[in-house]
């Protein structure tokens, strides 16, 4: 991996980890993917800040993993956080914002009413 070339705290490391995590997710290697998605989130937060649009992408990736596993209650708050970031960064009508909003609605439909945060 790029750790030796870039160092462990470089934004390209976060991108590489996210790409590898997506590969693992597609291969249904969920526990390995989850670990890397969480590591990506940690790096993004440290290097870019909590409001950066890449944080929303990383949150969405982890939420997608949880959704794919039927872990809807865990996916919901991640989608909500990603949506807030994207609305602030790009507005309500941006494609990324619309996509996350759509995924959040799908997840909310899968959670029994007694378990939603409302």
N, C-alpha and C. Protein backbone atom coordinates (compact mmCIF):
# COMPACT_ATOMS: atom_id res chain seq x y z
N UNK A 1 0.83 -1.18 0.00
CA UNK A 1 0.00 0.00 0.00
C UNK A 1 0.88 1.24 0.00
N UNK A 2 0.29 2.42 0.05
CA UNK A 2 0.99 3.68 -0.06
C UNK A 2 1.59 4.18 1.25
N UNK A 3 1.45 3.43 2.33
CA UNK A 3 1.89 3.92 3.64
C UNK A 3 3.35 4.32 3.66
N UNK A 4 4.21 3.55 3.03
CA UNK A 4 5.63 3.86 3.05
C UNK A 4 5.94 5.11 2.24
N UNK A 5 5.28 5.27 1.12
CA UNK A 5 5.52 6.41 0.25
C UNK A 5 4.90 7.69 0.79
N UNK A 6 3.65 7.61 1.20
CA UNK A 6 2.90 8.80 1.60
C UNK A 6 2.90 9.07 3.10
N UNK A 7 3.10 8.04 3.89
CA UNK A 7 2.93 8.16 5.33
C UNK A 7 1.49 7.80 5.68
N UNK A 8 1.27 7.48 6.93
CA UNK A 8 -0.04 7.00 7.35
C UNK A 8 -1.08 8.10 7.44
N UNK A 9 -0.66 9.36 7.50
CA UNK A 9 -1.61 10.45 7.65
C UNK A 9 -1.56 11.38 6.44
N UNK A 10 -1.88 10.85 5.31
CA UNK A 10 -1.95 11.60 4.06
C UNK A 10 -3.34 11.38 3.47
N UNK A 11 -3.90 12.41 2.86
CA UNK A 11 -5.26 12.28 2.33
C UNK A 11 -5.37 11.19 1.27
N UNK A 12 -4.29 10.93 0.55
CA UNK A 12 -4.33 9.85 -0.45
C UNK A 12 -4.38 8.48 0.23
N UNK A 13 -3.89 8.39 1.45
CA UNK A 13 -4.01 7.13 2.21
C UNK A 13 -5.47 6.86 2.50
N UNK A 14 -6.19 7.89 2.89
CA UNK A 14 -7.62 7.73 3.17
C UNK A 14 -8.35 7.27 1.91
N UNK A 15 -8.00 7.85 0.78
CA UNK A 15 -8.62 7.45 -0.50
C UNK A 15 -8.30 5.99 -0.81
N UNK A 16 -7.05 5.60 -0.63
CA UNK A 16 -6.64 4.21 -0.90
C UNK A 16 -7.36 3.24 0.02
N UNK A 17 -7.46 3.60 1.30
CA UNK A 17 -8.17 2.74 2.26
C UNK A 17 -9.64 2.60 1.89
N UNK A 18 -10.26 3.71 1.50
CA UNK A 18 -11.66 3.67 1.09
C UNK A 18 -11.87 2.80 -0.14
N UNK A 19 -10.94 2.89 -1.09
CA UNK A 19 -11.04 2.05 -2.30
C UNK A 19 -10.91 0.57 -1.95
N UNK A 20 -9.97 0.25 -1.08
CA UNK A 20 -9.79 -1.14 -0.66
C UNK A 20 -11.01 -1.62 0.12
N UNK A 21 -11.56 -0.76 0.96
CA UNK A 21 -12.76 -1.11 1.73
C UNK A 21 -13.93 -1.41 0.78
N UNK A 22 -14.09 -0.61 -0.26
CA UNK A 22 -15.15 -0.87 -1.24
C UNK A 22 -14.94 -2.19 -1.97
N UNK A 23 -13.69 -2.51 -2.27
CA UNK A 23 -13.39 -3.80 -2.88
C UNK A 23 -13.80 -4.93 -1.95
N UNK A 24 -13.41 -4.83 -0.68
CA UNK A 24 -13.79 -5.86 0.30
C UNK A 24 -15.30 -5.97 0.42
N UNK A 25 -15.99 -4.83 0.43
CA UNK A 25 -17.46 -4.84 0.52
C UNK A 25 -18.05 -5.59 -0.67
N UNK A 26 -17.55 -5.30 -1.85
CA UNK A 26 -18.05 -5.97 -3.06
C UNK A 26 -17.76 -7.47 -3.05
N UNK A 27 -16.71 -7.86 -2.35
CA UNK A 27 -16.37 -9.27 -2.21
C UNK A 27 -17.07 -9.91 -1.01
N UNK A 28 -17.92 -9.13 -0.34
CA UNK A 28 -18.66 -9.57 0.85
C UNK A 28 -17.73 -9.91 2.01
N UNK A 29 -16.60 -9.26 2.06
CA UNK A 29 -15.66 -9.38 3.18
C UNK A 29 -15.96 -8.22 4.14
N UNK A 30 -17.15 -8.31 4.74
CA UNK A 30 -17.72 -7.18 5.45
C UNK A 30 -16.92 -6.72 6.66
N UNK A 31 -16.40 -7.63 7.45
CA UNK A 31 -15.66 -7.19 8.65
C UNK A 31 -14.38 -6.46 8.26
N UNK A 32 -13.72 -6.89 7.21
CA UNK A 32 -12.51 -6.21 6.76
C UNK A 32 -12.87 -4.84 6.18
N UNK A 33 -13.96 -4.79 5.43
CA UNK A 33 -14.41 -3.52 4.86
C UNK A 33 -14.78 -2.53 5.95
N UNK A 34 -15.50 -3.00 6.96
CA UNK A 34 -15.92 -2.11 8.05
C UNK A 34 -14.71 -1.49 8.74
N UNK A 35 -13.72 -2.30 9.02
CA UNK A 35 -12.52 -1.80 9.68
C UNK A 35 -11.86 -0.70 8.86
N UNK A 36 -11.75 -0.91 7.55
CA UNK A 36 -11.10 0.08 6.70
C UNK A 36 -11.96 1.33 6.51
N UNK A 37 -13.28 1.16 6.41
CA UNK A 37 -14.15 2.33 6.31
C UNK A 37 -14.03 3.20 7.57
N UNK A 38 -13.96 2.57 8.73
CA UNK A 38 -13.82 3.32 9.97
C UNK A 38 -12.47 4.02 10.04
N UNK A 39 -11.44 3.37 9.55
CA UNK A 39 -10.11 3.98 9.52
C UNK A 39 -10.11 5.18 8.56
N UNK A 40 -10.80 5.04 7.44
CA UNK A 40 -10.93 6.14 6.47
C UNK A 40 -11.63 7.33 7.12
N UNK A 41 -12.72 7.06 7.84
CA UNK A 41 -13.44 8.13 8.52
C UNK A 41 -12.54 8.86 9.51
N UNK A 42 -11.78 8.11 10.27
CA UNK A 42 -10.88 8.68 11.26
C UNK A 42 -9.84 9.60 10.59
N UNK A 43 -9.27 9.12 9.50
CA UNK A 43 -8.28 9.93 8.77
C UNK A 43 -8.92 11.17 8.17
N UNK A 44 -10.08 11.02 7.55
CA UNK A 44 -10.76 12.17 6.95
C UNK A 44 -11.06 13.23 8.00
N UNK A 45 -11.55 12.80 9.14
CA UNK A 45 -11.88 13.73 10.22
C UNK A 45 -10.64 14.49 10.67
N UNK A 46 -9.55 13.76 10.84
CA UNK A 46 -8.31 14.38 11.32
C UNK A 46 -7.69 15.31 10.27
N UNK A 47 -7.67 14.85 9.02
CA UNK A 47 -6.96 15.59 7.98
C UNK A 47 -7.80 16.68 7.32
N UNK A 48 -9.11 16.44 7.19
CA UNK A 48 -9.95 17.36 6.43
C UNK A 48 -10.97 18.12 7.27
N UNK A 49 -11.31 17.56 8.43
CA UNK A 49 -12.31 18.18 9.28
C UNK A 49 -13.68 17.55 9.10
N UNK A 50 -14.52 17.73 10.10
CA UNK A 50 -15.83 17.07 10.14
C UNK A 50 -16.81 17.58 9.09
N UNK A 51 -16.59 18.77 8.54
CA UNK A 51 -17.54 19.35 7.60
C UNK A 51 -17.13 19.20 6.13
N UNK A 52 -16.01 18.55 5.89
CA UNK A 52 -15.53 18.38 4.51
C UNK A 52 -16.42 17.38 3.76
N UNK A 53 -16.64 17.62 2.49
CA UNK A 53 -17.51 16.74 1.70
C UNK A 53 -16.98 15.31 1.62
N UNK A 54 -15.67 15.12 1.75
CA UNK A 54 -15.14 13.76 1.75
C UNK A 54 -15.57 13.00 3.00
N UNK A 55 -15.82 13.71 4.08
CA UNK A 55 -16.37 13.06 5.29
C UNK A 55 -17.74 12.48 4.96
N UNK A 56 -18.54 13.22 4.21
CA UNK A 56 -19.87 12.75 3.82
C UNK A 56 -19.75 11.50 2.96
N UNK A 57 -18.78 11.48 2.07
CA UNK A 57 -18.57 10.30 1.22
C UNK A 57 -18.19 9.10 2.08
N UNK A 58 -17.29 9.30 3.02
CA UNK A 58 -16.86 8.20 3.89
C UNK A 58 -17.99 7.72 4.78
N UNK A 59 -18.78 8.65 5.32
CA UNK A 59 -19.95 8.28 6.12
C UNK A 59 -20.94 7.47 5.27
N UNK A 60 -21.16 7.93 4.05
CA UNK A 60 -22.06 7.22 3.15
C UNK A 60 -21.57 5.82 2.81
N UNK A 61 -20.27 5.68 2.64
CA UNK A 61 -19.72 4.36 2.34
C UNK A 61 -19.95 3.38 3.48
N UNK A 62 -19.70 3.83 4.71
CA UNK A 62 -19.92 2.95 5.86
C UNK A 62 -21.42 2.67 6.02
N UNK A 63 -22.25 3.68 5.80
CA UNK A 63 -23.69 3.47 5.87
C UNK A 63 -24.16 2.47 4.82
N UNK A 64 -23.60 2.55 3.62
CA UNK A 64 -23.95 1.59 2.56
C UNK A 64 -23.58 0.17 2.96
N UNK A 65 -22.43 0.02 3.60
CA UNK A 65 -22.01 -1.30 4.07
C UNK A 65 -23.04 -1.84 5.07
N UNK A 66 -23.41 -1.01 6.04
CA UNK A 66 -24.39 -1.44 7.04
C UNK A 66 -25.73 -1.76 6.39
N UNK A 67 -26.15 -0.93 5.45
CA UNK A 67 -27.42 -1.17 4.75
C UNK A 67 -27.38 -2.51 4.02
N UNK A 68 -26.28 -2.78 3.33
CA UNK A 68 -26.14 -4.04 2.58
C UNK A 68 -26.22 -5.26 3.49
N UNK A 69 -25.87 -5.07 4.76
CA UNK A 69 -25.91 -6.17 5.73
C UNK A 69 -27.22 -6.20 6.51
N UNK A 70 -28.13 -5.29 6.20
CA UNK A 70 -29.38 -5.23 6.94
C UNK A 70 -29.25 -4.55 8.29
N UNK A 71 -28.19 -3.83 8.50
CA UNK A 71 -27.94 -3.13 9.76
C UNK A 71 -28.47 -1.68 9.64
N UNK A 72 -29.77 -1.58 9.43
CA UNK A 72 -30.40 -0.31 9.08
C UNK A 72 -30.31 0.74 10.19
N UNK A 73 -30.46 0.31 11.44
CA UNK A 73 -30.39 1.25 12.57
C UNK A 73 -29.00 1.85 12.72
N UNK A 74 -27.98 1.15 12.28
CA UNK A 74 -26.62 1.68 12.32
C UNK A 74 -26.34 2.58 11.12
N UNK A 75 -26.98 2.28 10.01
CA UNK A 75 -26.78 3.07 8.79
C UNK A 75 -27.46 4.44 8.90
N UNK A 76 -28.63 4.47 9.54
CA UNK A 76 -29.44 5.70 9.58
C UNK A 76 -28.68 6.93 10.07
N UNK A 77 -28.04 6.90 11.25
CA UNK A 77 -27.36 8.12 11.72
C UNK A 77 -26.18 8.53 10.83
N UNK A 78 -25.56 7.58 10.18
CA UNK A 78 -24.45 7.91 9.27
C UNK A 78 -24.97 8.65 8.05
N UNK A 79 -26.08 8.16 7.48
CA UNK A 79 -26.70 8.86 6.35
C UNK A 79 -27.16 10.26 6.78
N UNK A 80 -27.73 10.36 7.98
CA UNK A 80 -28.20 11.67 8.46
C UNK A 80 -27.05 12.66 8.57
N UNK A 81 -25.93 12.21 9.11
CA UNK A 81 -24.76 13.08 9.26
C UNK A 81 -24.21 13.47 7.88
N UNK A 82 -24.13 12.49 6.98
CA UNK A 82 -23.64 12.76 5.63
C UNK A 82 -24.55 13.77 4.92
N UNK A 83 -25.86 13.63 5.10
CA UNK A 83 -26.81 14.52 4.47
C UNK A 83 -26.62 15.96 4.96
N UNK A 84 -26.43 16.15 6.25
CA UNK A 84 -26.21 17.49 6.80
C UNK A 84 -24.97 18.14 6.18
N UNK A 85 -23.91 17.36 6.09
CA UNK A 85 -22.66 17.89 5.51
C UNK A 85 -22.88 18.28 4.06
N UNK A 86 -23.52 17.42 3.29
CA UNK A 86 -23.73 17.68 1.87
C UNK A 86 -24.68 18.85 1.63
N UNK A 87 -25.70 18.97 2.45
CA UNK A 87 -26.61 20.12 2.31
C UNK A 87 -25.87 21.43 2.54
N UNK A 88 -24.99 21.45 3.53
CA UNK A 88 -24.21 22.66 3.80
C UNK A 88 -23.18 22.92 2.69
N UNK A 89 -22.57 21.87 2.21
CA UNK A 89 -21.50 22.02 1.22
C UNK A 89 -22.03 22.32 -0.19
N UNK A 90 -23.10 21.62 -0.58
CA UNK A 90 -23.55 21.69 -1.97
C UNK A 90 -24.99 22.17 -2.17
N UNK A 91 -25.77 22.20 -1.09
CA UNK A 91 -27.17 22.57 -1.23
C UNK A 91 -28.08 21.36 -1.40
N UNK A 92 -29.37 21.62 -1.39
CA UNK A 92 -30.37 20.55 -1.43
C UNK A 92 -30.52 19.87 -2.78
N UNK A 93 -30.17 20.54 -3.85
CA UNK A 93 -30.44 20.02 -5.18
C UNK A 93 -29.25 19.32 -5.84
N UNK A 94 -28.13 19.28 -5.18
CA UNK A 94 -26.94 18.61 -5.74
C UNK A 94 -27.17 17.11 -5.80
N UNK A 95 -26.61 16.47 -6.81
CA UNK A 95 -26.80 15.03 -7.03
C UNK A 95 -26.36 14.20 -5.82
N UNK A 96 -25.23 14.56 -5.21
CA UNK A 96 -24.76 13.80 -4.04
C UNK A 96 -25.75 13.92 -2.89
N UNK A 97 -26.27 15.13 -2.69
CA UNK A 97 -27.25 15.35 -1.62
C UNK A 97 -28.50 14.53 -1.87
N UNK A 98 -28.98 14.56 -3.10
CA UNK A 98 -30.19 13.80 -3.46
C UNK A 98 -29.99 12.31 -3.27
N UNK A 99 -28.81 11.81 -3.62
CA UNK A 99 -28.52 10.38 -3.50
C UNK A 99 -28.54 9.95 -2.04
N UNK A 100 -27.89 10.70 -1.18
CA UNK A 100 -27.86 10.34 0.25
C UNK A 100 -29.26 10.45 0.85
N UNK A 101 -30.00 11.48 0.45
CA UNK A 101 -31.37 11.63 0.97
C UNK A 101 -32.23 10.42 0.57
N UNK A 102 -32.06 9.95 -0.65
CA UNK A 102 -32.80 8.79 -1.13
C UNK A 102 -32.42 7.53 -0.34
N UNK A 103 -31.13 7.34 -0.09
CA UNK A 103 -30.69 6.18 0.69
C UNK A 103 -31.21 6.25 2.12
N UNK A 104 -31.21 7.44 2.70
CA UNK A 104 -31.73 7.62 4.05
C UNK A 104 -33.21 7.24 4.11
N UNK A 105 -33.97 7.67 3.13
CA UNK A 105 -35.40 7.31 3.09
C UNK A 105 -35.59 5.80 3.00
N UNK A 106 -34.78 5.15 2.17
CA UNK A 106 -34.87 3.69 2.04
C UNK A 106 -34.59 2.99 3.36
N UNK A 107 -33.58 3.46 4.05
CA UNK A 107 -33.20 2.85 5.33
C UNK A 107 -34.29 3.08 6.37
N UNK A 108 -34.82 4.29 6.42
CA UNK A 108 -35.87 4.60 7.40
C UNK A 108 -37.09 3.69 7.21
N UNK A 109 -37.39 3.33 5.97
CA UNK A 109 -38.52 2.45 5.69
C UNK A 109 -38.28 1.03 6.22
N UNK A 110 -37.03 0.67 6.38
CA UNK A 110 -36.68 -0.68 6.84
C UNK A 110 -36.63 -0.81 8.36
N UNK A 111 -36.63 0.34 9.05
CA UNK A 111 -36.53 0.33 10.51
C UNK A 111 -37.94 0.37 11.09
N UNK A 112 -38.25 -0.55 12.00
CA UNK A 112 -39.56 -0.49 12.66
C UNK A 112 -39.77 0.88 13.31
N UNK A 113 -40.98 1.39 13.25
CA UNK A 113 -41.29 2.74 13.77
C UNK A 113 -40.83 2.95 15.20
N UNK A 114 -40.90 1.94 16.04
CA UNK A 114 -40.49 2.09 17.44
C UNK A 114 -39.00 2.30 17.60
N UNK A 115 -38.20 1.96 16.56
CA UNK A 115 -36.75 2.08 16.67
C UNK A 115 -36.20 3.35 16.02
N UNK A 116 -37.03 4.12 15.32
CA UNK A 116 -36.53 5.34 14.70
C UNK A 116 -36.34 6.40 15.77
N UNK A 117 -35.53 7.38 15.46
CA UNK A 117 -35.15 8.40 16.44
C UNK A 117 -36.22 9.47 16.61
N UNK A 118 -37.24 9.45 15.82
CA UNK A 118 -38.27 10.50 15.89
C UNK A 118 -39.19 10.33 17.02
